[in-house]
Amino acid sequence: MSKIKDNKIFRICSILFKIFVVVFMIGFILSVCLQRFSNNKLSVFNFRMFTVVSGSMAPKYNIGDVLIAKEIAPEKIKVGDTISYLGTVNSFKDKVVTHEVVGIDIIDGKYYFHTKGLANLVEDPLVSSTQLYGKVIYKSVIISLIYKIVSTNIGFYLFIIIPILYIISSEIISTLLEKEEKRRNN
């Protein structure tokens, strides 16, 4: 009797774990796709996720780091904060830039930010509050590690394809075993 009860508990825990993994993966993929296909115009509960693609903020943020930015009112941003914004001129045009605020101007009630990458010698073009995506509030070490691994071909197969195939095949095998057990009991 105890063995049957332990087996049921194990199966329930296994199912709950699989559900958790699938829900996490789907949620992560949906939030990334939502941002990518909306050109970062949409956020998830006022949060956006960005990946560092240059060394301009090294050593604070390195290439491949995943940053979480929260939408915030321009008046709450201070010198020293790191912000993400949409570039509008020159080499910044249509690129998401994440740099540190080095100065703030208020002109006719509108906020403008002077920003600069830590590794850069020159300031960025002036950033209007309308360009803001948010203030960087967190560097996710775990998601950064996952991103760095998954962005390689081997990592993609090891951490995306194989787990998905495992979950699908284990469900199929589990279902087939249950059907066979019912058939034998009848």
N, C-alpha and C. Protein backbone atom coordinates (compact mmCIF):
# COMPACT_ATOMS: atom_id res chain seq x y z
N MET A 1 0.83 -1.20 0.00
CA MET A 1 0.00 0.00 0.00
C MET A 1 0.87 1.26 0.00
N SER A 2 1.94 1.24 0.81
CA SER A 2 2.83 2.40 0.89
C SER A 2 3.53 2.65 -0.44
N LYS A 3 3.89 1.57 -1.14
CA LYS A 3 4.58 1.69 -2.42
C LYS A 3 3.66 2.36 -3.45
N ILE A 4 2.39 2.00 -3.45
CA ILE A 4 1.43 2.61 -4.37
C ILE A 4 1.27 4.09 -4.06
N LYS A 5 1.18 4.42 -2.75
CA LYS A 5 1.02 5.81 -2.34
C LYS A 5 2.26 6.63 -2.72
N ASP A 6 3.47 6.08 -2.50
CA ASP A 6 4.71 6.75 -2.88
C ASP A 6 4.77 6.97 -4.38
N ASN A 7 4.33 5.97 -5.14
CA ASN A 7 4.33 6.07 -6.60
C ASN A 7 3.39 7.19 -7.06
N LYS A 8 2.23 7.30 -6.43
CA LYS A 8 1.28 8.36 -6.80
C LYS A 8 1.87 9.74 -6.47
N ILE A 9 2.50 9.86 -5.31
CA ILE A 9 3.11 11.14 -4.92
C ILE A 9 4.21 11.51 -5.92
N PHE A 10 5.03 10.51 -6.28
CA PHE A 10 6.10 10.76 -7.25
C PHE A 10 5.51 11.20 -8.59
N ARG A 11 4.47 10.57 -9.04
CA ARG A 11 3.85 10.92 -10.32
C ARG A 11 3.26 12.33 -10.28
N ILE A 12 2.62 12.67 -9.16
CA ILE A 12 2.04 14.00 -9.02
C ILE A 12 3.14 15.06 -9.03
N CYS A 13 4.22 14.80 -8.28
CA CYS A 13 5.35 15.74 -8.26
C CYS A 13 5.97 15.87 -9.65
N SER A 14 6.08 14.75 -10.34
CA SER A 14 6.66 14.76 -11.69
C SER A 14 5.79 15.58 -12.63
N ILE A 15 4.50 15.40 -12.56
CA ILE A 15 3.57 16.15 -13.41
C ILE A 15 3.63 17.64 -13.08
N LEU A 16 3.65 17.97 -11.78
CA LEU A 16 3.72 19.38 -11.38
C LEU A 16 5.02 20.03 -11.85
N PHE A 17 6.12 19.29 -11.76
CA PHE A 17 7.40 19.81 -12.23
C PHE A 17 7.36 20.07 -13.73
N LYS A 18 6.81 19.13 -14.48
CA LYS A 18 6.71 19.29 -15.93
C LYS A 18 5.83 20.48 -16.29
N ILE A 19 4.73 20.64 -15.58
CA ILE A 19 3.84 21.77 -15.82
C ILE A 19 4.58 23.08 -15.54
N PHE A 20 5.31 23.12 -14.42
CA PHE A 20 6.07 24.32 -14.07
C PHE A 20 7.08 24.67 -15.16
N VAL A 21 7.84 23.67 -15.63
CA VAL A 21 8.85 23.90 -16.67
C VAL A 21 8.19 24.41 -17.94
N VAL A 22 7.10 23.78 -18.36
CA VAL A 22 6.42 24.19 -19.58
C VAL A 22 5.86 25.60 -19.45
N VAL A 23 5.22 25.91 -18.33
CA VAL A 23 4.65 27.24 -18.12
C VAL A 23 5.76 28.29 -18.09
N PHE A 24 6.87 28.00 -17.42
CA PHE A 24 7.99 28.94 -17.37
C PHE A 24 8.54 29.18 -18.77
N MET A 25 8.75 28.11 -19.53
CA MET A 25 9.30 28.25 -20.88
C MET A 25 8.35 29.03 -21.78
N ILE A 26 7.06 28.70 -21.71
CA ILE A 26 6.08 29.40 -22.54
C ILE A 26 6.01 30.88 -22.15
N GLY A 27 5.98 31.17 -20.85
CA GLY A 27 5.93 32.56 -20.38
C GLY A 27 7.15 33.34 -20.82
N PHE A 28 8.32 32.74 -20.68
CA PHE A 28 9.57 33.39 -21.09
C PHE A 28 9.56 33.65 -22.59
N ILE A 29 9.20 32.64 -23.37
CA ILE A 29 9.18 32.78 -24.83
C ILE A 29 8.15 33.82 -25.26
N LEU A 30 6.97 33.81 -24.64
CA LEU A 30 5.95 34.80 -24.99
C LEU A 30 6.39 36.22 -24.66
N SER A 31 7.02 36.42 -23.50
CA SER A 31 7.43 37.78 -23.16
C SER A 31 8.53 38.27 -24.09
N VAL A 32 9.46 37.39 -24.46
CA VAL A 32 10.51 37.78 -25.40
C VAL A 32 9.90 38.08 -26.77
N CYS A 33 9.01 37.21 -27.23
CA CYS A 33 8.36 37.43 -28.54
C CYS A 33 7.52 38.69 -28.54
N LEU A 34 6.81 38.94 -27.45
CA LEU A 34 5.98 40.14 -27.35
C LEU A 34 6.83 41.38 -27.56
N GLN A 35 7.98 41.42 -26.91
CA GLN A 35 8.85 42.58 -27.06
C GLN A 35 9.47 42.65 -28.45
N ARG A 36 9.92 41.51 -28.96
CA ARG A 36 10.59 41.50 -30.27
C ARG A 36 9.64 41.92 -31.39
N PHE A 37 8.44 41.37 -31.41
CA PHE A 37 7.52 41.64 -32.50
C PHE A 37 6.80 42.98 -32.38
N SER A 38 6.84 43.56 -31.19
CA SER A 38 6.24 44.89 -31.02
C SER A 38 7.30 45.98 -31.05
N ASN A 39 8.54 45.60 -31.40
CA ASN A 39 9.67 46.55 -31.38
C ASN A 39 9.79 47.24 -30.02
N ASN A 40 9.60 46.49 -28.97
CA ASN A 40 9.71 46.95 -27.58
C ASN A 40 8.68 48.01 -27.20
N LYS A 41 7.62 48.14 -27.98
CA LYS A 41 6.58 49.12 -27.65
C LYS A 41 5.70 48.62 -26.52
N LEU A 42 5.57 47.30 -26.39
CA LEU A 42 4.75 46.72 -25.32
C LEU A 42 5.65 46.19 -24.21
N SER A 43 5.16 46.31 -22.99
CA SER A 43 5.89 45.77 -21.85
C SER A 43 5.02 44.74 -21.16
N VAL A 44 5.63 43.96 -20.30
CA VAL A 44 4.91 42.97 -19.51
C VAL A 44 4.87 43.49 -18.08
N PHE A 45 3.70 43.94 -17.64
CA PHE A 45 3.50 44.53 -16.32
C PHE A 45 4.51 45.67 -16.06
N ASN A 46 4.73 46.50 -17.07
CA ASN A 46 5.63 47.65 -17.02
C ASN A 46 7.11 47.27 -16.91
N PHE A 47 7.44 46.04 -17.26
CA PHE A 47 8.83 45.58 -17.26
C PHE A 47 9.22 45.19 -18.68
N ARG A 48 10.47 45.44 -19.01
CA ARG A 48 11.02 45.03 -20.30
C ARG A 48 12.34 44.33 -20.05
N MET A 49 12.67 43.44 -20.96
CA MET A 49 13.91 42.69 -20.85
C MET A 49 14.79 43.03 -22.05
N PHE A 50 16.04 43.36 -21.77
CA PHE A 50 16.98 43.70 -22.83
C PHE A 50 18.26 42.90 -22.68
N THR A 51 18.90 42.63 -23.79
CA THR A 51 20.18 41.93 -23.78
C THR A 51 21.27 42.91 -24.20
N VAL A 52 22.35 42.91 -23.46
CA VAL A 52 23.47 43.80 -23.76
C VAL A 52 24.19 43.26 -25.00
N VAL A 53 24.36 44.12 -26.01
CA VAL A 53 24.99 43.68 -27.26
C VAL A 53 26.33 44.35 -27.54
N SER A 54 26.74 45.28 -26.67
CA SER A 54 28.05 45.91 -26.87
C SER A 54 28.75 46.04 -25.51
N GLY A 55 30.00 46.39 -25.56
CA GLY A 55 30.77 46.53 -24.33
C GLY A 55 30.77 47.93 -23.76
N SER A 56 29.83 48.78 -24.19
CA SER A 56 29.84 50.18 -23.76
C SER A 56 29.58 50.37 -22.27
N MET A 57 29.00 49.39 -21.60
CA MET A 57 28.71 49.52 -20.17
C MET A 57 29.60 48.60 -19.32
N ALA A 58 30.64 48.04 -19.92
CA ALA A 58 31.57 47.18 -19.17
C ALA A 58 32.33 48.06 -18.18
N PRO A 59 32.61 47.59 -17.03
CA PRO A 59 32.46 46.23 -16.50
C PRO A 59 31.13 46.00 -15.77
N LYS A 60 30.29 47.02 -15.69
CA LYS A 60 29.02 46.86 -14.97
C LYS A 60 28.11 45.85 -15.67
N TYR A 61 27.96 45.99 -16.98
CA TYR A 61 27.15 45.07 -17.79
C TYR A 61 27.99 44.60 -18.97
N ASN A 62 28.04 43.31 -19.17
CA ASN A 62 28.85 42.74 -20.23
C ASN A 62 27.97 42.21 -21.36
N ILE A 63 28.57 41.97 -22.51
CA ILE A 63 27.83 41.44 -23.66
C ILE A 63 27.15 40.14 -23.26
N GLY A 64 25.86 40.04 -23.57
CA GLY A 64 25.09 38.85 -23.26
C GLY A 64 24.32 38.93 -21.95
N ASP A 65 24.60 39.94 -21.12
CA ASP A 65 23.85 40.10 -19.87
C ASP A 65 22.41 40.47 -20.20
N VAL A 66 21.48 39.93 -19.42
CA VAL A 66 20.07 40.24 -19.60
C VAL A 66 19.65 41.19 -18.48
N LEU A 67 19.12 42.33 -18.89
CA LEU A 67 18.74 43.38 -17.95
C LEU A 67 17.22 43.52 -17.92
N ILE A 68 16.70 43.80 -16.75
CA ILE A 68 15.28 44.05 -16.58
C ILE A 68 15.11 45.54 -16.30
N ALA A 69 14.32 46.20 -17.13
CA ALA A 69 14.06 47.64 -16.96
C ALA A 69 12.59 47.83 -16.62
N LYS A 70 12.34 48.76 -15.71
CA LYS A 70 10.97 49.07 -15.29
C LYS A 70 10.62 50.47 -15.79
N GLU A 71 9.42 50.58 -16.37
CA GLU A 71 8.94 51.90 -16.78
C GLU A 71 8.84 52.77 -15.53
N ILE A 72 9.33 53.98 -15.65
CA ILE A 72 9.38 54.87 -14.49
C ILE A 72 9.15 56.31 -14.97
N ALA A 73 8.56 57.11 -14.13
CA ALA A 73 8.32 58.51 -14.48
C ALA A 73 9.67 59.21 -14.62
N PRO A 74 9.81 60.07 -15.64
CA PRO A 74 11.09 60.75 -15.89
C PRO A 74 11.60 61.53 -14.67
N GLU A 75 10.70 62.10 -13.90
CA GLU A 75 11.13 62.89 -12.76
C GLU A 75 11.75 62.06 -11.63
N LYS A 76 11.58 60.75 -11.68
CA LYS A 76 12.16 59.87 -10.65
C LYS A 76 13.56 59.38 -11.03
N ILE A 77 14.00 59.67 -12.23
CA ILE A 77 15.32 59.25 -12.67
C ILE A 77 16.36 60.24 -12.17
N LYS A 78 17.47 59.69 -11.65
CA LYS A 78 18.53 60.51 -11.08
C LYS A 78 19.84 60.28 -11.83
N VAL A 79 20.76 61.20 -11.68
CA VAL A 79 22.11 61.02 -12.22
C VAL A 79 22.71 59.78 -11.58
N GLY A 80 23.29 58.93 -12.40
CA GLY A 80 23.87 57.68 -11.91
C GLY A 80 22.99 56.47 -12.20
N ASP A 81 21.69 56.70 -12.48
CA ASP A 81 20.80 55.60 -12.86
C ASP A 81 21.16 55.12 -14.26
N THR A 82 20.89 53.86 -14.51
CA THR A 82 21.06 53.31 -15.85
C THR A 82 19.69 53.22 -16.49
N ILE A 83 19.56 53.80 -17.69
CA ILE A 83 18.26 53.78 -18.39
C ILE A 83 18.41 53.09 -19.74
N SER A 84 17.29 52.55 -20.21
CA SER A 84 17.21 52.01 -21.56
C SER A 84 16.28 52.91 -22.35
N TYR A 85 16.68 53.22 -23.58
CA TYR A 85 15.88 54.12 -24.39
C TYR A 85 16.05 53.77 -25.87
N LEU A 86 15.16 54.31 -26.68
CA LEU A 86 15.22 54.11 -28.12
C LEU A 86 16.01 55.26 -28.73
N GLY A 87 17.11 54.92 -29.39
CA GLY A 87 17.91 55.94 -30.05
C GLY A 87 17.17 56.48 -31.27
N THR A 88 17.37 57.78 -31.56
CA THR A 88 16.63 58.39 -32.67
C THR A 88 17.52 59.06 -33.71
N VAL A 89 18.81 59.20 -33.41
CA VAL A 89 19.68 59.89 -34.38
C VAL A 89 20.99 59.13 -34.58
N ASN A 90 21.61 59.43 -35.72
CA ASN A 90 22.94 58.90 -36.08
C ASN A 90 23.02 57.38 -35.93
N SER A 91 24.10 56.89 -35.34
CA SER A 91 24.29 55.44 -35.21
C SER A 91 23.37 54.84 -34.16
N PHE A 92 22.69 55.67 -33.38
CA PHE A 92 21.76 55.19 -32.36
C PHE A 92 20.36 54.95 -32.93
N LYS A 93 20.09 55.44 -34.13
CA LYS A 93 18.74 55.40 -34.69
C LYS A 93 18.14 53.99 -34.68
N ASP A 94 16.95 53.88 -34.08
CA ASP A 94 16.16 52.65 -33.99
C ASP A 94 16.85 51.53 -33.22
N LYS A 95 17.79 51.87 -32.36
CA LYS A 95 18.46 50.87 -31.52
C LYS A 95 18.11 51.13 -30.07
N VAL A 96 17.99 50.03 -29.32
CA VAL A 96 17.79 50.16 -27.88
C VAL A 96 19.16 50.38 -27.26
N VAL A 97 19.27 51.45 -26.49
CA VAL A 97 20.53 51.81 -25.86
C VAL A 97 20.34 51.78 -24.35
N THR A 98 21.31 51.20 -23.66
CA THR A 98 21.28 51.18 -22.20
C THR A 98 22.56 51.83 -21.70
N HIS A 99 22.43 53.04 -21.18
CA HIS A 99 23.58 53.80 -20.69
C HIS A 99 23.24 54.50 -19.38
N GLU A 100 24.26 55.01 -18.75
CA GLU A 100 24.11 55.68 -17.47
C GLU A 100 23.78 57.15 -17.66
N VAL A 101 22.91 57.67 -16.79
CA VAL A 101 22.54 59.08 -16.83
C VAL A 101 23.67 59.88 -16.18
N VAL A 102 24.21 60.85 -16.93
CA VAL A 102 25.29 61.70 -16.40
C VAL A 102 24.84 63.15 -16.19
N GLY A 103 23.63 63.46 -16.64
CA GLY A 103 23.10 64.80 -16.44
C GLY A 103 21.63 64.85 -16.83
N ILE A 104 20.90 65.81 -16.25
CA ILE A 104 19.47 65.95 -16.53
C ILE A 104 19.16 67.42 -16.77
N ASP A 105 18.42 67.70 -17.84
CA ASP A 105 17.95 69.05 -18.13
C ASP A 105 16.42 69.03 -18.14
N ILE A 106 15.82 70.10 -17.62
CA ILE A 106 14.37 70.26 -17.70
C ILE A 106 14.13 71.52 -18.54
N ILE A 107 13.57 71.30 -19.73
CA ILE A 107 13.34 72.41 -20.65
C ILE A 107 11.84 72.45 -20.94
N ASP A 108 11.21 73.57 -20.60
CA ASP A 108 9.76 73.74 -20.80
C ASP A 108 8.97 72.59 -20.16
N GLY A 109 9.40 72.13 -19.00
CA GLY A 109 8.69 71.08 -18.27
C GLY A 109 8.96 69.68 -18.77
N LYS A 110 9.78 69.53 -19.81
CA LYS A 110 10.11 68.20 -20.33
C LYS A 110 11.51 67.81 -19.88
N TYR A 111 11.66 66.53 -19.59
CA TYR A 111 12.95 66.02 -19.12
C TYR A 111 13.81 65.54 -20.29
N TYR A 112 15.08 65.90 -20.23
CA TYR A 112 16.07 65.45 -21.21
C TYR A 112 17.26 64.91 -20.43
N PHE A 113 17.78 63.79 -20.91
CA PHE A 113 18.85 63.12 -20.18
C PHE A 113 20.14 63.09 -20.99
N HIS A 114 21.23 63.38 -20.31
CA HIS A 114 22.56 63.21 -20.87
C HIS A 114 23.00 61.81 -20.44
N THR A 115 23.32 60.96 -21.40
CA THR A 115 23.71 59.60 -21.06
C THR A 115 25.05 59.27 -21.70
N LYS A 116 25.69 58.24 -21.14
CA LYS A 116 27.00 57.84 -21.65
C LYS A 116 27.27 56.42 -21.20
N GLY A 117 27.84 55.64 -22.09
CA GLY A 117 28.31 54.31 -21.71
C GLY A 117 29.54 54.44 -20.84
N LEU A 118 29.70 53.55 -19.87
CA LEU A 118 30.83 53.63 -18.95
C LEU A 118 32.17 53.53 -19.68
N ALA A 119 32.21 52.75 -20.76
CA ALA A 119 33.45 52.55 -21.51
C ALA A 119 33.60 53.56 -22.65
N ASN A 120 32.60 54.41 -22.83
CA ASN A 120 32.65 55.40 -23.92
C ASN A 120 33.31 56.69 -23.46
N LEU A 121 33.92 57.39 -24.40
CA LEU A 121 34.55 58.66 -24.08
C LEU A 121 33.60 59.83 -24.29
N VAL A 122 32.61 59.64 -25.17
CA VAL A 122 31.71 60.73 -25.55
C VAL A 122 30.29 60.44 -25.08
N GLU A 123 29.57 61.50 -24.76
CA GLU A 123 28.15 61.38 -24.38
C GLU A 123 27.32 61.00 -25.60
N ASP A 124 26.18 60.39 -25.32
CA ASP A 124 25.20 60.07 -26.37
C ASP A 124 24.49 61.36 -26.77
N PRO A 125 23.77 61.32 -27.90
CA PRO A 125 22.89 62.46 -28.21
C PRO A 125 21.86 62.61 -27.09
N LEU A 126 21.37 63.82 -26.90
CA LEU A 126 20.41 64.11 -25.84
C LEU A 126 19.19 63.18 -25.95
N VAL A 127 18.75 62.66 -24.80
CA VAL A 127 17.65 61.70 -24.76
C VAL A 127 16.42 62.36 -24.17
N SER A 128 15.33 62.37 -24.92
CA SER A 128 14.06 62.94 -24.47
C SER A 128 13.33 61.91 -23.61
N SER A 129 12.47 62.38 -22.72
CA SER A 129 11.70 61.47 -21.87
C SER A 129 10.76 60.59 -22.71
N THR A 130 10.43 61.03 -23.93
CA THR A 130 9.56 60.21 -24.79
C THR A 130 10.29 59.00 -25.36
N GLN A 131 11.61 59.00 -25.30
CA GLN A 131 12.40 57.88 -25.81
C GLN A 131 12.60 56.78 -24.77
N LEU A 132 12.27 57.08 -23.52
CA LEU A 132 12.56 56.16 -22.42
C LEU A 132 11.77 54.86 -22.49
N TYR A 133 12.48 53.75 -22.25
CA TYR A 133 11.82 52.46 -22.04
C TYR A 133 11.74 52.19 -20.55
N GLY A 134 12.74 52.61 -19.81
CA GLY A 134 12.70 52.41 -18.37
C GLY A 134 14.07 52.48 -17.74
N LYS A 135 14.05 52.35 -16.42
CA LYS A 135 15.27 52.35 -15.61
C LYS A 135 15.67 50.91 -15.36
N VAL A 136 16.93 50.59 -15.56
CA VAL A 136 17.40 49.22 -15.30
C VAL A 136 17.38 49.00 -13.80
N ILE A 137 16.64 47.96 -13.39
CA ILE A 137 16.52 47.68 -11.96
C ILE A 137 17.17 46.36 -11.56
N TYR A 138 17.51 45.54 -12.57
CA TYR A 138 18.02 44.21 -12.21
C TYR A 138 18.79 43.60 -13.37
N LYS A 139 19.90 42.98 -13.02
CA LYS A 139 20.66 42.18 -14.00
C LYS A 139 20.45 40.74 -13.60
N SER A 140 19.77 39.99 -14.44
CA SER A 140 19.44 38.61 -14.13
C SER A 140 20.61 37.69 -14.50
N VAL A 141 21.28 37.21 -13.48
CA VAL A 141 22.43 36.34 -13.69
C VAL A 141 21.98 35.01 -14.30
N ILE A 142 20.88 34.46 -13.81
CA ILE A 142 20.40 33.16 -14.29
C ILE A 142 19.93 33.26 -15.74
N ILE A 143 19.12 34.26 -16.05
CA ILE A 143 18.63 34.40 -17.42
C ILE A 143 19.79 34.75 -18.36
N SER A 144 20.76 35.54 -17.86
CA SER A 144 21.95 35.86 -18.67
C SER A 144 22.71 34.59 -19.00
N LEU A 145 22.89 33.73 -18.02
CA LEU A 145 23.60 32.46 -18.24
C LEU A 145 22.83 31.60 -19.24
N ILE A 146 21.51 31.52 -19.05
CA ILE A 146 20.68 30.73 -19.97
C ILE A 146 20.80 31.31 -21.39
N TYR A 147 20.71 32.64 -21.50
CA TYR A 147 20.80 33.28 -22.82
C TYR A 147 22.14 32.97 -23.48
N LYS A 148 23.22 33.09 -22.71
CA LYS A 148 24.55 32.84 -23.27
C LYS A 148 24.70 31.40 -23.73
N ILE A 149 24.10 30.48 -23.00
CA ILE A 149 24.19 29.06 -23.37
C ILE A 149 23.28 28.77 -24.55
N VAL A 150 22.02 29.24 -24.47
CA VAL A 150 21.03 28.94 -25.50
C VAL A 150 21.36 29.64 -26.82
N SER A 151 22.11 30.72 -26.78
CA SER A 151 22.43 31.43 -28.02
C SER A 151 23.44 30.68 -28.89
N THR A 152 24.03 29.61 -28.35
CA THR A 152 24.89 28.75 -29.16
C THR A 152 24.04 27.61 -29.73
N ASN A 153 24.46 27.03 -30.84
CA ASN A 153 23.69 25.92 -31.43
C ASN A 153 23.60 24.73 -30.49
N ILE A 154 24.72 24.35 -29.90
CA ILE A 154 24.72 23.20 -28.99
C ILE A 154 23.83 23.47 -27.79
N GLY A 155 23.94 24.68 -27.23
CA GLY A 155 23.12 25.05 -26.08
C GLY A 155 21.64 25.05 -26.40
N PHE A 156 21.30 25.52 -27.60
CA PHE A 156 19.90 25.54 -28.02
C PHE A 156 19.33 24.13 -28.03
N TYR A 157 20.07 23.19 -28.60
CA TYR A 157 19.59 21.81 -28.64
C TYR A 157 19.57 21.18 -27.26
N LEU A 158 20.60 21.42 -26.46
CA LEU A 158 20.68 20.80 -25.14
C LEU A 158 19.63 21.33 -24.16
N PHE A 159 19.35 22.62 -24.24
CA PHE A 159 18.49 23.22 -23.22
C PHE A 159 17.09 23.59 -23.69
N ILE A 160 16.83 23.51 -25.00
CA ILE A 160 15.49 23.80 -25.49
C ILE A 160 14.89 22.56 -26.15
N ILE A 161 15.51 22.09 -27.19
CA ILE A 161 14.95 20.98 -27.97
C ILE A 161 14.88 19.69 -27.15
N ILE A 162 15.98 19.29 -26.54
CA ILE A 162 15.99 18.02 -25.79
C ILE A 162 15.00 18.04 -24.62
N PRO A 163 14.94 19.10 -23.78
CA PRO A 163 13.93 19.10 -22.72
C PRO A 163 12.49 19.02 -23.25
N ILE A 164 12.22 19.73 -24.34
CA ILE A 164 10.87 19.67 -24.91
C ILE A 164 10.56 18.25 -25.40
N LEU A 165 11.51 17.65 -26.10
CA LEU A 165 11.32 16.27 -26.56
C LEU A 165 11.17 15.31 -25.38
N TYR A 166 11.93 15.54 -24.31
CA TYR A 166 11.82 14.68 -23.12
C TYR A 166 10.42 14.78 -22.52
N ILE A 167 9.93 16.00 -22.36
CA ILE A 167 8.60 16.18 -21.77
C ILE A 167 7.53 15.52 -22.63
N ILE A 168 7.59 15.74 -23.94
CA ILE A 168 6.59 15.15 -24.84
C ILE A 168 6.68 13.63 -24.82
N SER A 169 7.90 13.09 -24.94
CA SER A 169 8.04 11.63 -24.98
C SER A 169 7.67 10.98 -23.65
N SER A 170 8.01 11.63 -22.54
CA SER A 170 7.65 11.04 -21.24
C SER A 170 6.14 11.03 -21.04
N GLU A 171 5.46 12.03 -21.55
CA GLU A 171 4.00 12.05 -21.46
C GLU A 171 3.39 10.94 -22.33
N ILE A 172 3.94 10.77 -23.53
CA ILE A 172 3.45 9.71 -24.42
C ILE A 172 3.68 8.34 -23.78
N ILE A 173 4.89 8.11 -23.26
CA ILE A 173 5.21 6.83 -22.64
C ILE A 173 4.33 6.60 -21.41
N SER A 174 4.15 7.64 -20.61
CA SER A 174 3.31 7.53 -19.41
C SER A 174 1.88 7.16 -19.79
N THR A 175 1.36 7.80 -20.82
CA THR A 175 0.00 7.52 -21.28
C THR A 175 -0.11 6.08 -21.79
N LEU A 176 0.86 5.65 -22.58
CA LEU A 176 0.86 4.28 -23.10
C LEU A 176 0.96 3.25 -21.98
N LEU A 177 1.78 3.51 -20.98
CA LEU A 177 1.91 2.59 -19.85
C LEU A 177 0.61 2.51 -19.05
N GLU A 178 -0.05 3.64 -18.87
CA GLU A 178 -1.34 3.64 -18.17
C GLU A 178 -2.37 2.82 -18.94
N LYS A 179 -2.42 2.98 -20.27
CA LYS A 179 -3.35 2.22 -21.09
C LYS A 179 -3.05 0.73 -21.01
N GLU A 180 -1.76 0.37 -21.05
CA GLU A 180 -1.38 -1.04 -20.96
C GLU A 180 -1.74 -1.62 -19.59
N GLU A 181 -1.54 -0.84 -18.54
CA GLU A 181 -1.88 -1.30 -17.19
C GLU A 181 -3.39 -1.52 -17.07
N LYS A 182 -4.17 -0.60 -17.62
CA LYS A 182 -5.65 -0.76 -17.59
C LYS A 182 -6.05 -1.99 -18.40
N ARG A 183 -5.41 -2.22 -19.54
CA ARG A 183 -5.74 -3.37 -20.37
C ARG A 183 -5.43 -4.66 -19.63
N ARG A 184 -4.32 -4.72 -18.92
CA ARG A 184 -3.96 -5.92 -18.17
C ARG A 184 -4.89 -6.17 -16.99
N ASN A 185 -5.36 -5.09 -16.36
CA ASN A 185 -6.25 -5.23 -15.22
C ASN A 185 -7.65 -5.67 -15.64
N ASN A 186 -8.01 -5.41 -16.89
CA ASN A 186 -9.34 -5.82 -17.37
C ASN A 186 -9.26 -7.22 -17.87
